[in-house]
Amino acid sequence: MNGPVTVEELAILMKARAGLTVDPALLAEAPDVPFEEYGLDSLGLLGIVAELENRYGHAIDNEPERCKTPTDFLTLVNAQLTTGA
């Protein structure tokens, strides 16, 4: 997954903002496994979004907490961060 936010960064954020330890390699191998299976809920995802907004200085719209998989989330977030949408 190319973009400002990588699978590895997402795994780190899942640990830092939601307290979930996820192996980045596992996340990369199965990016379409629902967040639910990792134990990440919408509140945890909102914490990740807040961190990304602070880090990149850009609001992330379109309800990213509704994304169900890492692929969905990274596609949405990276599109907004790279286009400035």
PDB file of N, CA and C in Angstrom:
ATOM      1  N   MET A   1       0.858  -1.178   0.000  1.00  0.00           N
ATOM      2  CA  MET A   1       0.000   0.000   0.000  1.00  0.00           C
ATOM      3  C   MET A   1       0.892   1.224   0.000  1.00  0.00           C
ATOM      4  N   ASN A   2       0.822   2.017  -1.058  1.00  0.00           N
ATOM      5  CA  ASN A   2       1.609   3.229  -1.150  1.00  0.00           C
ATOM      6  C   ASN A   2       0.808   4.414  -0.631  1.00  0.00           C
ATOM      7  N   GLY A   3       1.518   5.377  -0.113  1.00  0.00           N
ATOM      8  CA  GLY A   3       0.863   6.579   0.373  1.00  0.00           C
ATOM      9  C   GLY A   3       1.535   7.063   1.624  1.00  0.00           C
ATOM     10  N   PRO A   4       1.036   8.146   2.124  1.00  0.00           N
ATOM     11  CA  PRO A   4       1.607   8.667   3.359  1.00  0.00           C
ATOM     12  C   PRO A   4       1.469   7.682   4.521  1.00  0.00           C
ATOM     13  N   VAL A   5       0.350   6.968   4.576  1.00  0.00           N
ATOM     14  CA  VAL A   5       0.117   6.035   5.677  1.00  0.00           C
ATOM     15  C   VAL A   5       0.303   4.617   5.140  1.00  0.00           C
ATOM     16  N   THR A   6       1.244   3.906   5.729  1.00  0.00           N
ATOM     17  CA  THR A   6       1.547   2.544   5.310  1.00  0.00           C
ATOM     18  C   THR A   6       0.861   1.542   6.230  1.00  0.00           C
ATOM     19  N   VAL A   7       0.881   0.297   5.826  1.00  0.00           N
ATOM     20  CA  VAL A   7       0.343  -0.773   6.673  1.00  0.00           C
ATOM     21  C   VAL A   7       1.123  -0.828   7.980  1.00  0.00           C
ATOM     22  N   GLU A   8       2.432  -0.657   7.895  1.00  0.00           N
ATOM     23  CA  GLU A   8       3.271  -0.683   9.096  1.00  0.00           C
ATOM     24  C   GLU A   8       2.882   0.437  10.054  1.00  0.00           C
ATOM     25  N   GLU A   9       2.659   1.630   9.502  1.00  0.00           N
ATOM     26  CA  GLU A   9       2.260   2.758  10.333  1.00  0.00           C
ATOM     27  C   GLU A   9       0.891   2.511  10.958  1.00  0.00           C
ATOM     28  N   LEU A  10      -0.013   1.924  10.197  1.00  0.00           N
ATOM     29  CA  LEU A  10      -1.334   1.609  10.736  1.00  0.00           C
ATOM     30  C   LEU A  10      -1.215   0.639  11.908  1.00  0.00           C
ATOM     31  N   ALA A  11      -0.365  -0.367  11.795  1.00  0.00           N
ATOM     32  CA  ALA A  11      -0.171  -1.320  12.895  1.00  0.00           C
ATOM     33  C   ALA A  11       0.365  -0.605  14.135  1.00  0.00           C
ATOM     34  N   ILE A  12       1.289   0.324  13.945  1.00  0.00           N
ATOM     35  CA  ILE A  12       1.840   1.091  15.074  1.00  0.00           C
ATOM     36  C   ILE A  12       0.749   1.948  15.714  1.00  0.00           C
ATOM     37  N   LEU A  13      -0.065   2.562  14.880  1.00  0.00           N
ATOM     38  CA  LEU A  13      -1.152   3.395  15.394  1.00  0.00           C
ATOM     39  C   LEU A  13      -2.214   2.567  16.119  1.00  0.00           C
ATOM     40  N   MET A  14      -2.455   1.365  15.639  1.00  0.00           N
ATOM     41  CA  MET A  14      -3.412   0.489  16.324  1.00  0.00           C
ATOM     42  C   MET A  14      -2.930   0.201  17.744  1.00  0.00           C
ATOM     43  N   LYS A  15      -1.632   0.043  17.912  1.00  0.00           N
ATOM     44  CA  LYS A  15      -1.059  -0.191  19.242  1.00  0.00           C
ATOM     45  C   LYS A  15      -1.122   1.077  20.081  1.00  0.00           C
ATOM     46  N   ALA A  16      -0.677   2.194  19.508  1.00  0.00           N
ATOM     47  CA  ALA A  16      -0.573   3.441  20.258  1.00  0.00           C
ATOM     48  C   ALA A  16      -1.930   4.045  20.621  1.00  0.00           C
ATOM     49  N   ARG A  17      -2.883   3.977  19.716  1.00  0.00           N
ATOM     50  CA  ARG A  17      -4.153   4.662  19.924  1.00  0.00           C
ATOM     51  C   ARG A  17      -5.290   3.755  20.376  1.00  0.00           C
ATOM     52  N   ALA A  18      -5.153   2.440  20.171  1.00  0.00           N
ATOM     53  CA  ALA A  18      -6.235   1.531  20.553  1.00  0.00           C
ATOM     54  C   ALA A  18      -5.755   0.399  21.452  1.00  0.00           C
ATOM     55  N   GLY A  19      -4.443   0.349  21.720  1.00  0.00           N
ATOM     56  CA  GLY A  19      -3.913  -0.675  22.615  1.00  0.00           C
ATOM     57  C   GLY A  19      -3.905  -2.076  22.029  1.00  0.00           C
ATOM     58  N   LEU A  20      -3.919  -2.182  20.716  1.00  0.00           N
ATOM     59  CA  LEU A  20      -3.960  -3.493  20.051  1.00  0.00           C
ATOM     60  C   LEU A  20      -2.620  -3.800  19.401  1.00  0.00           C
ATOM     61  N   THR A  21      -2.055  -4.931  19.729  1.00  0.00           N
ATOM     62  CA  THR A  21      -0.801  -5.341  19.115  1.00  0.00           C
ATOM     63  C   THR A  21      -1.111  -6.178  17.887  1.00  0.00           C
ATOM     64  N   VAL A  22      -0.709  -5.653  16.728  1.00  0.00           N
ATOM     65  CA  VAL A  22      -0.943  -6.328  15.461  1.00  0.00           C
ATOM     66  C   VAL A  22       0.389  -6.397  14.726  1.00  0.00           C
ATOM     67  N   ASP A  23       0.753  -7.573  14.300  1.00  0.00           N
ATOM     68  CA  ASP A  23       1.978  -7.757  13.530  1.00  0.00           C
ATOM     69  C   ASP A  23       1.803  -7.077  12.172  1.00  0.00           C
ATOM     70  N   PRO A  24       2.676  -6.101  11.853  1.00  0.00           N
ATOM     71  CA  PRO A  24       2.541  -5.420  10.563  1.00  0.00           C
ATOM     72  C   PRO A  24       2.593  -6.373   9.367  1.00  0.00           C
ATOM     73  N   ALA A  25       3.387  -7.427   9.457  1.00  0.00           N
ATOM     74  CA  ALA A  25       3.469  -8.395   8.356  1.00  0.00           C
ATOM     75  C   ALA A  25       2.132  -9.112   8.179  1.00  0.00           C
ATOM     76  N   LEU A  26       1.493  -9.468   9.277  1.00  0.00           N
ATOM     77  CA  LEU A  26       0.188 -10.120   9.217  1.00  0.00           C
ATOM     78  C   LEU A  26      -0.852  -9.178   8.608  1.00  0.00           C
ATOM     79  N   LEU A  27      -0.806  -7.920   9.018  1.00  0.00           N
ATOM     80  CA  LEU A  27      -1.732  -6.925   8.487  1.00  0.00           C
ATOM     81  C   LEU A  27      -1.516  -6.749   6.980  1.00  0.00           C
ATOM     82  N   ALA A  28      -0.263  -6.751   6.557  1.00  0.00           N
ATOM     83  CA  ALA A  28       0.065  -6.599   5.134  1.00  0.00           C
ATOM     84  C   ALA A  28      -0.357  -7.817   4.316  1.00  0.00           C
ATOM     85  N   GLU A  29      -0.259  -8.993   4.916  1.00  0.00           N
ATOM     86  CA  GLU A  29      -0.631 -10.227   4.213  1.00  0.00           C
ATOM     87  C   GLU A  29      -2.135 -10.383   4.052  1.00  0.00           C
ATOM     88  N   ALA A  30      -2.885  -9.804   4.969  1.00  0.00           N
ATOM     89  CA  ALA A  30      -4.344  -9.959   4.937  1.00  0.00           C
ATOM     90  C   ALA A  30      -5.023  -8.608   5.157  1.00  0.00           C
ATOM     91  N   PRO A  31      -4.831  -7.670   4.234  1.00  0.00           N
ATOM     92  CA  PRO A  31      -5.364  -6.325   4.439  1.00  0.00           C
ATOM     93  C   PRO A  31      -6.881  -6.209   4.319  1.00  0.00           C
ATOM     94  N   ASP A  32      -7.532  -7.291   3.901  1.00  0.00           N
ATOM     95  CA  ASP A  32      -8.983  -7.258   3.783  1.00  0.00           C
ATOM     96  C   ASP A  32      -9.698  -7.966   4.928  1.00  0.00           C
ATOM     97  N   VAL A  33      -8.928  -8.368   5.942  1.00  0.00           N
ATOM     98  CA  VAL A  33      -9.537  -8.936   7.150  1.00  0.00           C
ATOM     99  C   VAL A  33     -10.193  -7.776   7.911  1.00  0.00           C
ATOM    100  N   PRO A  34     -11.437  -7.939   8.308  1.00  0.00           N
ATOM    101  CA  PRO A  34     -12.124  -6.843   8.991  1.00  0.00           C
ATOM    102  C   PRO A  34     -11.407  -6.406  10.277  1.00  0.00           C
ATOM    103  N   PHE A  35     -11.438  -5.103  10.528  1.00  0.00           N
ATOM    104  CA  PHE A  35     -10.859  -4.560  11.758  1.00  0.00           C
ATOM    105  C   PHE A  35     -11.423  -5.269  12.983  1.00  0.00           C
ATOM    106  N   GLU A  36     -12.677  -5.652  12.902  1.00  0.00           N
ATOM    107  CA  GLU A  36     -13.357  -6.351  13.993  1.00  0.00           C
ATOM    108  C   GLU A  36     -12.562  -7.580  14.456  1.00  0.00           C
ATOM    109  N   GLU A  37     -11.940  -8.288  13.521  1.00  0.00           N
ATOM    110  CA  GLU A  37     -11.176  -9.484  13.878  1.00  0.00           C
ATOM    111  C   GLU A  37      -9.886  -9.148  14.630  1.00  0.00           C
ATOM    112  N   TYR A  38      -9.416  -7.917  14.497  1.00  0.00           N
ATOM    113  CA  TYR A  38      -8.246  -7.472  15.255  1.00  0.00           C
ATOM    114  C   TYR A  38      -8.652  -6.871  16.599  1.00  0.00           C
ATOM    115  N   GLY A  39      -9.970  -6.692  16.777  1.00  0.00           N
ATOM    116  CA  GLY A  39     -10.465  -6.084  18.011  1.00  0.00           C
ATOM    117  C   GLY A  39     -10.570  -4.578  17.938  1.00  0.00           C
ATOM    118  N   LEU A  40     -10.432  -4.005  16.754  1.00  0.00           N
ATOM    119  CA  LEU A  40     -10.494  -2.554  16.583  1.00  0.00           C
ATOM    120  C   LEU A  40     -11.926  -2.132  16.285  1.00  0.00           C
ATOM    121  N   ASP A  41     -12.461  -1.259  17.136  1.00  0.00           N
ATOM    122  CA  ASP A  41     -13.813  -0.759  16.926  1.00  0.00           C
ATOM    123  C   ASP A  41     -13.768   0.668  16.387  1.00  0.00           C
ATOM    124  N   SER A  42     -14.933   1.265  16.186  1.00  0.00           N
ATOM    125  CA  SER A  42     -14.991   2.592  15.574  1.00  0.00           C
ATOM    126  C   SER A  42     -14.339   3.657  16.452  1.00  0.00           C
ATOM    127  N   LEU A  43     -14.405   3.510  17.762  1.00  0.00           N
ATOM    128  CA  LEU A  43     -13.745   4.487  18.644  1.00  0.00           C
ATOM    129  C   LEU A  43     -12.232   4.402  18.523  1.00  0.00           C
ATOM    130  N   GLY A  44     -11.700   3.199  18.421  1.00  0.00           N
ATOM    131  CA  GLY A  44     -10.267   3.038  18.208  1.00  0.00           C
ATOM    132  C   GLY A  44      -9.842   3.635  16.881  1.00  0.00           C
ATOM    133  N   LEU A  45     -10.675   3.446  15.873  1.00  0.00           N
ATOM    134  CA  LEU A  45     -10.382   3.996  14.553  1.00  0.00           C
ATOM    135  C   LEU A  45     -10.413   5.522  14.592  1.00  0.00           C
ATOM    136  N   LEU A  46     -11.331   6.086  15.364  1.00  0.00           N
ATOM    137  CA  LEU A  46     -11.381   7.546  15.498  1.00  0.00           C
ATOM    138  C   LEU A  46     -10.108   8.075  16.163  1.00  0.00           C
ATOM    139  N   GLY A  47      -9.572   7.328  17.119  1.00  0.00           N
ATOM    140  CA  GLY A  47      -8.308   7.719  17.745  1.00  0.00           C
ATOM    141  C   GLY A  47      -7.179   7.732  16.730  1.00  0.00           C
ATOM    142  N   ILE A  48      -7.170   6.759  15.856  1.00  0.00           N
ATOM    143  CA  ILE A  48      -6.158   6.698  14.795  1.00  0.00           C
ATOM    144  C   ILE A  48      -6.329   7.876  13.845  1.00  0.00           C
ATOM    145  N   VAL A  49      -7.568   8.176  13.484  1.00  0.00           N
ATOM    146  CA  VAL A  49      -7.835   9.305  12.598  1.00  0.00           C
ATOM    147  C   VAL A  49      -7.357  10.605  13.235  1.00  0.00           C
ATOM    148  N   ALA A  50      -7.642  10.793  14.519  1.00  0.00           N
ATOM    149  CA  ALA A  50      -7.205  12.010  15.210  1.00  0.00           C
ATOM    150  C   ALA A  50      -5.686  12.146  15.172  1.00  0.00           C
ATOM    151  N   GLU A  51      -4.984  11.044  15.395  1.00  0.00           N
ATOM    152  CA  GLU A  51      -3.522  11.068  15.344  1.00  0.00           C
ATOM    153  C   GLU A  51      -3.026  11.435  13.946  1.00  0.00           C
ATOM    154  N   LEU A  52      -3.633  10.858  12.928  1.00  0.00           N
ATOM    155  CA  LEU A  52      -3.230  11.155  11.554  1.00  0.00           C
ATOM    156  C   LEU A  52      -3.522  12.612  11.189  1.00  0.00           C
ATOM    157  N   GLU A  53      -4.653  13.115  11.630  1.00  0.00           N
ATOM    158  CA  GLU A  53      -4.982  14.521  11.363  1.00  0.00           C
ATOM    159  C   GLU A  53      -3.955  15.450  12.013  1.00  0.00           C
ATOM    160  N   ASN A  54      -3.567  15.129  13.229  1.00  0.00           N
ATOM    161  CA  ASN A  54      -2.538  15.931  13.905  1.00  0.00           C
ATOM    162  C   ASN A  54      -1.195  15.809  13.205  1.00  0.00           C
ATOM    163  N   ARG A  55      -0.837  14.615  12.839  1.00  0.00           N
ATOM    164  CA  ARG A  55       0.461  14.349  12.230  1.00  0.00           C
ATOM    165  C   ARG A  55       0.602  15.020  10.863  1.00  0.00           C
ATOM    166  N   TYR A  56      -0.450  14.947  10.052  1.00  0.00           N
ATOM    167  CA  TYR A  56      -0.375  15.465   8.696  1.00  0.00           C
ATOM    168  C   TYR A  56      -0.983  16.863   8.535  1.00  0.00           C
ATOM    169  N   GLY A  57      -1.598  17.380   9.603  1.00  0.00           N
ATOM    170  CA  GLY A  57      -2.171  18.721   9.543  1.00  0.00           C
ATOM    171  C   GLY A  57      -3.295  18.855   8.538  1.00  0.00           C
ATOM    172  N   HIS A  58      -4.071  17.799   8.403  1.00  0.00           N
ATOM    173  CA  HIS A  58      -5.136  17.785   7.403  1.00  0.00           C
ATOM    174  C   HIS A  58      -6.330  17.016   7.961  1.00  0.00           C
ATOM    175  N   ALA A  59      -7.518  17.592   7.811  1.00  0.00           N
ATOM    176  CA  ALA A  59      -8.733  16.896   8.247  1.00  0.00           C
ATOM    177  C   ALA A  59      -9.010  15.716   7.325  1.00  0.00           C
ATOM    178  N   ILE A  60      -9.495  14.642   7.915  1.00  0.00           N
ATOM    179  CA  ILE A  60      -9.868  13.452   7.151  1.00  0.00           C
ATOM    180  C   ILE A  60     -11.386  13.327   7.234  1.00  0.00           C
ATOM    181  N   ASP A  61     -12.028  13.460   6.085  1.00  0.00           N
ATOM    182  CA  ASP A  61     -13.492  13.451   6.019  1.00  0.00           C
ATOM    183  C   ASP A  61     -14.018  12.118   5.507  1.00  0.00           C
ATOM    184  N   ASN A  62     -15.302  12.094   5.220  1.00  0.00           N
ATOM    185  CA  ASN A  62     -15.992  10.930   4.651  1.00  0.00           C
ATOM    186  C   ASN A  62     -16.106   9.770   5.627  1.00  0.00           C
ATOM    187  N   GLU A  63     -16.182  10.078   6.909  1.00  0.00           N
ATOM    188  CA  GLU A  63     -16.431   9.082   7.941  1.00  0.00           C
ATOM    189  C   GLU A  63     -15.506   7.871   7.879  1.00  0.00           C
ATOM    190  N   PRO A  64     -14.203   8.073   8.066  1.00  0.00           N
ATOM    191  CA  PRO A  64     -13.275   6.949   7.987  1.00  0.00           C
ATOM    192  C   PRO A  64     -13.542   5.867   9.028  1.00  0.00           C
ATOM    193  N   GLU A  65     -14.230   6.214  10.111  1.00  0.00           N
ATOM    194  CA  GLU A  65     -14.528   5.197  11.129  1.00  0.00           C
ATOM    195  C   GLU A  65     -15.508   4.149  10.626  1.00  0.00           C
ATOM    196  N   ARG A  66     -16.109   4.387   9.477  1.00  0.00           N
ATOM    197  CA  ARG A  66     -17.020   3.406   8.898  1.00  0.00           C
ATOM    198  C   ARG A  66     -16.294   2.385   8.028  1.00  0.00           C
ATOM    199  N   CYS A  67     -15.004   2.594   7.790  1.00  0.00           N
ATOM    200  CA  CYS A  67     -14.212   1.625   7.021  1.00  0.00           C
ATOM    201  C   CYS A  67     -14.144   0.319   7.799  1.00  0.00           C
ATOM    202  N   LYS A  68     -14.286  -0.766   7.108  1.00  0.00           N
ATOM    203  CA  LYS A  68     -14.330  -2.079   7.756  1.00  0.00           C
ATOM    204  C   LYS A  68     -13.015  -2.843   7.713  1.00  0.00           C
ATOM    205  N   THR A  69     -12.119  -2.472   6.788  1.00  0.00           N
ATOM    206  CA  THR A  69     -10.860  -3.203   6.639  1.00  0.00           C
ATOM    207  C   THR A  69      -9.693  -2.227   6.525  1.00  0.00           C
ATOM    208  N   PRO A  70      -8.474  -2.706   6.774  1.00  0.00           N
ATOM    209  CA  PRO A  70      -7.300  -1.849   6.558  1.00  0.00           C
ATOM    210  C   PRO A  70      -7.218  -1.318   5.137  1.00  0.00           C
ATOM    211  N   THR A  71      -7.550  -2.135   4.149  1.00  0.00           N
ATOM    212  CA  THR A  71      -7.518  -1.672   2.764  1.00  0.00           C
ATOM    213  C   THR A  71      -8.471  -0.491   2.560  1.00  0.00           C
ATOM    214  N   ASP A  72      -9.698  -0.625   3.030  1.00  0.00           N
ATOM    215  CA  ASP A  72     -10.677   0.460   2.898  1.00  0.00           C
ATOM    216  C   ASP A  72     -10.168   1.731   3.573  1.00  0.00           C
ATOM    217  N   PHE A  73      -9.663   1.573   4.790  1.00  0.00           N
ATOM    218  CA  PHE A  73      -9.203   2.714   5.574  1.00  0.00           C
ATOM    219  C   PHE A  73      -8.021   3.400   4.899  1.00  0.00           C
ATOM    220  N   LEU A  74      -7.006   2.636   4.522  1.00  0.00           N
ATOM    221  CA  LEU A  74      -5.814   3.230   3.921  1.00  0.00           C
ATOM    222  C   LEU A  74      -6.122   3.869   2.571  1.00  0.00           C
ATOM    223  N   THR A  75      -7.005   3.271   1.803  1.00  0.00           N
ATOM    224  CA  THR A  75      -7.391   3.850   0.518  1.00  0.00           C
ATOM    225  C   THR A  75      -8.051   5.210   0.725  1.00  0.00           C
ATOM    226  N   LEU A  76      -8.990   5.284   1.647  1.00  0.00           N
ATOM    227  CA  LEU A  76      -9.700   6.532   1.929  1.00  0.00           C
ATOM    228  C   LEU A  76      -8.755   7.595   2.475  1.00  0.00           C
ATOM    229  N   VAL A  77      -8.002   7.235   3.493  1.00  0.00           N
ATOM    230  CA  VAL A  77      -7.121   8.196   4.153  1.00  0.00           C
ATOM    231  C   VAL A  77      -6.029   8.682   3.208  1.00  0.00           C
ATOM    232  N   ASN A  78      -5.377   7.773   2.506  1.00  0.00           N
ATOM    233  CA  ASN A  78      -4.283   8.181   1.621  1.00  0.00           C
ATOM    234  C   ASN A  78      -4.780   9.012   0.451  1.00  0.00           C
ATOM    235  N   ALA A  79      -5.955   8.733  -0.049  1.00  0.00           N
ATOM    236  CA  ALA A  79      -6.506   9.552  -1.130  1.00  0.00           C
ATOM    237  C   ALA A  79      -6.686  10.989  -0.658  1.00  0.00           C
ATOM    238  N   GLN A  80      -7.179  11.153   0.546  1.00  0.00           N
ATOM    239  CA  GLN A  80      -7.395  12.495   1.070  1.00  0.00           C
ATOM    240  C   GLN A  80      -6.093  13.195   1.410  1.00  0.00           C
ATOM    241  N   LEU A  81      -5.155  12.472   1.953  1.00  0.00           N
ATOM    242  CA  LEU A  81      -3.888  13.095   2.337  1.00  0.00           C
ATOM    243  C   LEU A  81      -3.032  13.448   1.125  1.00  0.00           C
ATOM    244  N   THR A  82      -3.123  12.669   0.056  1.00  0.00           N
ATOM    245  CA  THR A  82      -2.277  12.941  -1.110  1.00  0.00           C
ATOM    246  C   THR A  82      -2.900  13.958  -2.069  1.00  0.00           C
ATOM    247  N   THR A  83      -4.242  14.069  -2.052  1.00  0.00           N
ATOM    248  CA  THR A  83      -4.884  15.021  -2.952  1.00  0.00           C
ATOM    249  C   THR A  83      -5.270  16.309  -2.251  1.00  0.00           C
ATOM    250  N   GLY A  84      -5.219  16.290  -0.921  1.00  0.00           N
ATOM    251  CA  GLY A  84      -5.626  17.470  -0.176  1.00  0.00           C
ATOM    252  C   GLY A  84      -7.120  17.654  -0.159  1.00  0.00           C
ATOM    253  N   ALA A  85      -7.863  16.576  -0.428  1.00  0.00           N
ATOM    254  CA  ALA A  85      -9.333  16.667  -0.465  1.00  0.00           C
ATOM    255  C   ALA A  85      -9.908  16.836   0.915  1.00  0.00           C
TER     256      ALA A  85
END
